[in-house]
Protein backbone atom coordinates (compact mmCIF):
# COMPACT_ATOMS: atom_id res chain seq x y z
CA MET A 1 0.60 -22.11 -19.33
CA ARG A 2 -0.37 -19.00 -21.78
CA VAL A 3 -0.38 -16.19 -19.53
CA VAL A 4 -1.64 -12.38 -19.61
CA PHE A 5 -0.24 -10.52 -16.76
CA MET A 6 -2.29 -7.20 -15.47
CA GLY A 7 -0.46 -4.97 -12.77
CA THR A 8 0.74 -1.40 -12.50
CA PRO A 9 2.69 -0.18 -9.07
CA ASP A 10 5.98 -1.48 -7.64
CA PHE A 11 3.94 -4.18 -5.65
CA ALA A 12 3.18 -6.28 -8.89
CA VAL A 13 6.55 -6.09 -10.12
CA PRO A 14 8.14 -9.07 -8.29
CA SER A 15 5.06 -11.09 -9.30
CA LEU A 16 5.79 -10.27 -13.09
CA LYS A 17 9.31 -11.38 -12.61
CA GLU A 18 8.82 -14.65 -10.64
CA ILE A 19 6.25 -15.59 -13.46
CA VAL A 20 8.68 -14.99 -16.27
CA ASN A 21 11.39 -16.88 -14.22
CA ALA A 22 9.41 -19.85 -13.56
CA GLY A 23 9.06 -20.32 -17.53
CA PHE A 24 5.43 -19.41 -18.08
CA ASP A 25 4.64 -18.16 -21.55
CA VAL A 26 3.69 -14.44 -20.84
CA LEU A 27 1.75 -13.11 -23.90
CA ALA A 28 1.20 -9.73 -23.03
CA VAL A 29 1.53 -7.46 -19.84
CA ILE A 30 -1.43 -4.92 -19.23
CA THR A 31 -0.73 -2.10 -17.22
CA GLN A 32 -2.39 1.55 -16.66
CA PRO A 33 -1.73 4.41 -19.21
CA ASP A 34 1.42 6.49 -18.59
CA ARG A 35 0.56 9.52 -16.42
CA PRO A 36 2.33 12.90 -15.39
CA GLY A 37 3.92 12.74 -11.97
CA GLY A 38 6.53 14.35 -9.68
CA ARG A 39 7.23 18.16 -9.61
CA GLY A 40 7.80 18.64 -13.00
CA LYS A 41 4.61 16.65 -14.24
CA LYS A 42 6.61 14.62 -16.59
CA ILE A 43 4.99 11.65 -18.28
CA ARG A 44 5.94 8.51 -16.34
CA LYS A 45 5.93 4.71 -17.12
CA THR A 46 4.19 2.56 -14.50
CA PRO A 47 6.55 0.49 -12.61
CA VAL A 48 5.28 -2.76 -14.51
CA LYS A 49 5.47 -1.38 -17.75
CA LEU A 50 9.34 -0.36 -16.93
CA ALA A 51 9.85 -3.96 -15.82
CA ALA A 52 7.77 -5.60 -18.91
CA GLU A 53 10.25 -3.50 -21.29
CA GLU A 54 13.26 -4.74 -19.71
CA LEU A 55 12.03 -8.31 -20.00
CA GLY A 56 11.30 -7.81 -23.65
CA LEU A 57 7.42 -8.27 -23.12
CA GLN A 58 4.70 -6.83 -25.05
CA VAL A 59 2.68 -4.15 -23.09
CA LEU A 60 -0.65 -2.99 -23.52
CA GLN A 61 -2.20 0.20 -21.73
CA PRO A 62 -5.88 0.48 -22.28
CA ALA A 63 -7.71 3.59 -20.79
CA LYS A 64 -10.56 1.10 -19.91
CA VAL A 65 -10.38 -2.58 -19.84
CA ARG A 66 -14.02 -2.53 -20.59
CA GLU A 67 -13.63 -1.28 -24.07
CA PRO A 68 -14.83 -3.73 -26.59
CA ASP A 69 -11.61 -3.23 -28.72
CA PHE A 70 -9.31 -4.25 -25.79
CA ILE A 71 -11.33 -7.33 -25.00
CA ASN A 72 -11.23 -8.64 -28.49
CA GLU A 73 -7.42 -8.06 -28.27
CA LEU A 74 -7.33 -10.59 -25.26
CA ARG A 75 -9.49 -12.98 -27.04
CA ARG A 76 -6.89 -12.78 -29.96
CA LEU A 77 -4.28 -13.41 -27.21
CA ASN A 78 -6.12 -16.38 -26.18
CA PRO A 79 -4.44 -16.75 -22.68
CA GLU A 80 -5.26 -19.88 -20.47
CA ILE A 81 -5.12 -17.92 -17.16
CA ILE A 82 -4.94 -14.14 -16.38
CA ILE A 83 -2.74 -12.75 -13.40
CA VAL A 84 -3.87 -9.74 -11.72
CA ALA A 85 -1.62 -7.95 -9.13
CA ALA A 86 -2.81 -4.37 -8.13
CA PHE A 87 -3.81 -3.49 -11.48
CA GLY A 88 -6.17 -0.49 -10.79
CA GLN A 89 -9.41 -1.23 -12.82
CA LEU A 90 -12.26 -3.73 -12.00
CA LEU A 91 -12.37 -6.37 -14.43
CA PRO A 92 -15.98 -7.03 -16.42
CA SER A 93 -17.14 -10.52 -16.79
CA GLY A 94 -16.15 -10.67 -20.58
CA ILE A 95 -12.62 -10.83 -19.05
CA LEU A 96 -13.30 -12.80 -15.87
CA ASP A 97 -14.88 -15.53 -18.10
CA LEU A 98 -12.36 -15.79 -20.90
CA PRO A 99 -9.26 -17.67 -20.05
CA ARG A 100 -9.62 -21.38 -19.34
CA TYR A 101 -8.61 -21.14 -15.64
CA GLY A 102 -10.14 -17.68 -15.12
CA CYS A 103 -8.30 -14.80 -13.64
CA ILE A 104 -6.40 -14.88 -10.28
CA ASN A 105 -5.43 -12.06 -8.06
CA VAL A 106 -2.41 -11.25 -5.92
CA HIS A 107 -4.06 -9.39 -2.79
CA ALA A 108 -1.97 -8.07 0.21
CA SER A 109 -4.00 -9.43 3.15
CA LEU A 110 -5.09 -12.30 4.89
CA LEU A 111 -8.59 -12.54 3.22
CA PRO A 112 -11.45 -11.96 4.15
CA ALA A 113 -9.67 -9.28 6.12
CA TYR A 114 -9.05 -5.88 4.35
CA ARG A 115 -10.69 -6.35 0.98
CA GLY A 116 -10.19 -3.29 -1.09
CA ALA A 117 -7.73 -0.77 -2.38
CA ALA A 118 -5.57 -0.15 0.60
CA PRO A 119 -4.86 -3.31 2.44
CA ILE A 120 -1.24 -2.66 3.55
CA HIS A 121 -1.84 1.17 4.75
CA ARG A 122 -4.87 -0.04 6.75
CA ALA A 123 -3.26 -2.91 8.45
CA VAL A 124 -0.47 -0.95 9.94
CA ILE A 125 -2.66 2.25 10.71
CA ASN A 126 -5.18 -0.04 12.70
CA GLY A 127 -2.22 -1.54 14.64
CA GLU A 128 -2.30 -5.23 13.25
CA GLN A 129 0.46 -7.49 14.14
CA GLN A 130 0.33 -9.79 10.95
CA THR A 131 -1.06 -9.71 7.56
CA GLY A 132 -0.07 -11.62 4.45
CA VAL A 133 -0.74 -12.41 1.00
CA THR A 134 -3.69 -14.21 -0.36
CA ILE A 135 -3.83 -15.76 -3.85
CA MET A 136 -7.48 -15.58 -5.09
CA GLN A 137 -9.70 -16.78 -7.99
CA MET A 138 -11.34 -13.63 -8.91
CA ASP A 139 -15.03 -13.52 -9.41
CA ALA A 140 -17.55 -10.31 -9.81
CA GLY A 141 -17.15 -9.17 -6.32
CA LEU A 142 -14.51 -7.04 -4.72
CA ASP A 143 -11.87 -9.44 -3.58
CA THR A 144 -14.33 -12.07 -2.74
CA GLY A 145 -13.45 -15.18 -4.64
CA ASP A 146 -12.39 -18.38 -3.48
CA MET A 147 -8.71 -18.36 -1.91
CA LEU A 148 -6.18 -20.70 -3.34
CA LEU A 149 -3.13 -19.87 -1.26
CA GLN A 150 -2.39 -17.74 1.57
CA GLU A 151 0.75 -16.97 3.82
CA LYS A 152 1.29 -14.48 6.70
CA ILE A 153 3.91 -12.31 7.91
CA ILE A 154 4.53 -10.44 11.14
CA ILE A 155 4.21 -6.73 11.47
CA GLY A 156 6.99 -5.42 13.86
CA PRO A 157 6.10 -2.45 15.92
CA GLU A 158 8.65 -0.34 13.88
CA ASP A 159 7.33 -1.53 10.52
CA THR A 160 6.28 1.20 8.10
CA VAL A 161 3.88 0.50 5.30
CA GLY A 162 7.21 0.71 2.97
CA SER A 163 8.78 -1.96 4.79
CA VAL A 164 5.58 -4.24 5.06
CA HIS A 165 4.82 -3.50 1.31
CA ASP A 166 8.19 -4.57 0.27
CA ARG A 167 8.04 -7.96 2.08
CA LEU A 168 4.53 -8.74 0.76
CA ALA A 169 5.33 -7.77 -2.89
CA LEU A 170 8.22 -10.41 -2.72
CA LEU A 171 5.90 -12.99 -0.85
CA GLY A 172 3.38 -12.49 -3.34
CA GLY A 173 5.56 -13.31 -6.38
CA ARG A 174 6.55 -16.58 -4.65
CA LEU A 175 3.26 -17.54 -3.67
CA LEU A 176 1.57 -16.73 -7.28
CA VAL A 177 4.08 -19.21 -8.86
CA LYS A 178 3.10 -22.09 -6.43
CA ALA A 179 -0.62 -21.17 -6.99
CA VAL A 180 -0.23 -21.43 -11.04
CA GLU A 181 1.65 -24.34 -10.73
CA LEU A 182 -1.15 -26.14 -8.51
CA ILE A 183 -3.73 -24.88 -11.09
CA GLN A 184 -1.64 -26.29 -14.12
CA THR A 185 -1.18 -29.62 -12.40
CA GLY A 186 -4.91 -29.80 -11.26
CA ARG A 187 -4.06 -29.77 -7.74
CA ALA A 188 -5.53 -26.37 -6.75
CA GLU A 189 -7.97 -26.66 -3.69
CA PRO A 190 -10.06 -23.40 -3.70
CA VAL A 191 -11.44 -22.27 -0.23
CA PRO A 192 -14.39 -20.18 -0.14
CA GLN A 193 -14.03 -16.94 2.00
CA ASP A 194 -16.22 -16.51 5.15
CA ASP A 195 -17.99 -13.13 4.24
CA ALA A 196 -18.76 -12.99 8.06
CA ARG A 197 -15.35 -12.30 9.01
CA SER A 198 -14.64 -9.66 6.12
CA SER A 199 -13.44 -6.09 6.42
CA TYR A 200 -12.90 -3.47 4.08
CA ALA A 201 -9.53 -1.54 3.06
CA ALA A 202 -11.05 1.82 1.82
CA MET A 203 -8.93 4.01 -0.60
CA LEU A 204 -6.93 6.72 1.48
CA LYS A 205 -8.49 10.24 1.91
CA ARG A 206 -6.84 13.32 2.37
CA GLU A 207 -8.51 13.33 6.22
CA ASP A 208 -6.76 9.88 6.65
CA GLU A 209 -3.28 11.82 6.73
CA ILE A 210 -4.25 14.13 9.63
CA ILE A 211 -2.71 13.66 12.93
CA CYS A 212 -5.40 13.95 15.81
CA TRP A 213 -3.30 14.85 18.82
CA ALA A 214 -5.94 14.06 21.25
CA GLU A 215 -5.64 10.33 20.42
CA ASP A 216 -3.55 7.73 22.35
CA VAL A 217 0.28 7.79 21.34
CA GLU A 218 -0.16 4.16 19.87
CA VAL A 219 -2.92 5.42 17.70
CA ILE A 220 -0.82 8.21 16.50
CA LYS A 221 2.38 6.14 16.11
CA ASN A 222 0.29 3.54 14.15
CA ARG A 223 -0.89 6.26 11.55
CA VAL A 224 2.69 7.82 11.23
CA ARG A 225 4.00 4.09 10.45
CA GLY A 226 1.03 3.31 8.19
CA LEU A 227 1.70 6.61 5.94
CA ASN A 228 5.40 6.25 5.90
CA PRO A 229 6.62 6.65 2.84
CA TRP A 230 3.49 7.61 1.33
CA PRO A 231 1.55 9.93 1.72
CA GLY A 232 2.86 10.88 5.01
CA ALA A 233 1.02 11.81 8.43
CA ARG A 234 0.73 15.61 8.74
CA THR A 235 -0.37 18.49 11.16
CA GLU A 236 0.42 22.26 10.64
CA LEU A 237 2.92 24.59 11.94
CA GLY A 238 2.72 28.31 11.47
CA GLY A 239 0.15 27.63 8.65
CA LYS A 240 2.46 25.22 6.73
CA VAL A 241 1.99 21.47 6.46
CA LEU A 242 4.32 19.57 8.90
CA LYS A 243 4.62 15.91 7.82
CA ILE A 244 5.60 13.59 10.31
CA TRP A 245 7.51 10.65 9.53
CA ARG A 246 8.72 8.84 12.59
CA VAL A 247 7.82 9.21 16.36
CA ALA A 248 8.41 7.54 19.77
CA LEU A 249 7.08 7.49 23.20
CA ALA A 250 8.94 10.09 25.47
CA ASP A 251 9.70 9.50 28.95
CA GLY A 252 8.22 11.41 31.84
CA PRO A 253 4.76 12.42 33.06
CA ALA A 254 1.72 11.28 30.76
CA VAL A 255 0.14 14.76 30.62
CA LYS A 256 1.88 17.92 30.92
CA GLY A 257 -0.13 20.05 28.27
CA LYS A 258 -2.93 20.47 25.67
CA PRO A 259 -3.03 17.88 22.97
CA GLY A 260 -0.78 18.95 20.03
CA GLN A 261 1.43 21.40 22.42
CA VAL A 262 5.13 21.46 21.96
CA LEU A 263 6.51 20.92 25.36
CA GLU A 264 10.30 21.03 24.67
CA ALA A 265 12.17 21.82 21.79
CA SER A 266 15.96 21.33 22.41
CA ALA A 267 18.97 19.81 21.29
CA GLY A 268 19.23 17.53 24.51
CA ARG A 269 15.58 16.38 24.48
CA GLY A 270 14.40 16.78 21.11
CA ILE A 271 10.64 17.75 20.16
CA LEU A 272 8.35 16.49 22.65
CA VAL A 273 4.43 16.96 21.87
CA GLN A 274 1.53 16.22 24.37
CA ALA A 275 -0.99 13.65 22.84
CA GLY A 276 -4.09 12.18 24.32
CA ASN A 277 -2.54 10.03 26.88
CA ALA A 278 1.25 10.52 26.88
CA VAL A 279 4.16 12.55 25.44
CA LEU A 280 5.47 11.91 21.81
CA SER A 281 8.95 12.47 20.68
CA LEU A 282 8.91 13.67 16.97
CA GLU A 283 12.19 11.71 15.52
CA GLU A 284 12.03 12.61 11.95
CA LEU A 285 9.75 15.36 10.24
CA GLN A 286 9.45 17.54 7.05
CA LEU A 287 8.19 21.15 6.98
CA GLN A 288 6.34 22.14 3.48
CA GLY A 289 8.91 22.66 0.75
CA ARG A 290 11.97 21.41 2.66
CA LYS A 291 13.51 17.94 2.82
CA SER A 292 12.91 15.33 5.72
CA MET A 293 15.16 15.65 8.53
CA ARG A 294 15.94 14.22 12.20
CA ALA A 295 14.51 16.51 14.97
CA ALA A 296 18.17 17.82 15.90
CA ASP A 297 18.66 19.00 12.40
CA PHE A 298 15.10 20.50 12.15
CA LEU A 299 15.78 22.54 15.16
CA ARG A 300 19.04 24.02 13.57
CA GLY A 301 16.91 25.63 10.85
CA ASN A 302 13.58 26.10 12.49
CA ALA A 303 12.41 28.12 15.31
CA LEU A 304 9.97 26.01 17.56
CA THR A 305 8.84 27.75 20.57
CA PRO A 306 7.53 25.35 23.42
CA GLY A 307 4.06 26.14 24.20
CA ILE A 308 2.98 26.50 20.45
CA ILE A 309 0.23 24.09 19.51
CA LEU A 310 0.27 21.83 16.13
CA GLY A 311 -2.78 21.52 14.39
CA GLY A 312 -4.79 22.30 11.29
CA PRO A 313 -8.14 20.93 9.93
CA PRO A 314 -10.16 19.16 12.49
CA CYS A 315 -9.67 15.52 12.59
CA GLY A 316 -12.08 12.74 13.07
């Protein structure tokens, strides 16, 4: 099977490695252009490019896959199938229709739920107890094509988007190889999606990061888990961004103050903050310009007076 692989972030790397390890003929790897990142804004290679170079594979980085020159290059490669895993650009019909077996996608949700750009983040933020990977035959719609294989995992109450992401990435690689083998041997059985059961996982916006202290503790905890390790749930303290990385339900009366009010900040009890229906303990946090630290360490270097109200921009 002559394969072209298209992917960009860490999520796609296990899929690329599994396809190579399974012995398929990877003609080229397509990934997004190198871009500046980090504090120094140095040009960074994508995780998929780094992996492809280690594997000795040809790498192509078109600014736009719709460009005729790039499509002509794909025609020259003449792949039998194109595999897509979190590539980051929509494919035009000129690419979708090019390979003999079409294009298949490794999508990090149990389709038709959570179509779109941020399925893992949205699943954790919404408090879902399970998610999974779907291998899908791509069409002109947004994650609307027929499903080839699907497998679920459980989201635990302490899972973060990072831990779920890593498990789904590994699952995606294993499931992808099975799907390609089924296609190659003519045993694939595509299943149409039920559009009536579909939902959309919109790309994250800055306002999604803001903690609304008037919300229930489980809603806040899910938001914190669903934004850890990137981009982080945030509030404000003294005009500075305060990122919250881990929280827990605190013991004691449900309501003792206003939403966002610091009720206690001590070595013994930690940092307790009033939420809408109960009190939260801030277990791990990070003030703007500093490293992430546990509550006890944070209090050694930061004065946090009980009664102060955490806040910032208005939320939902």
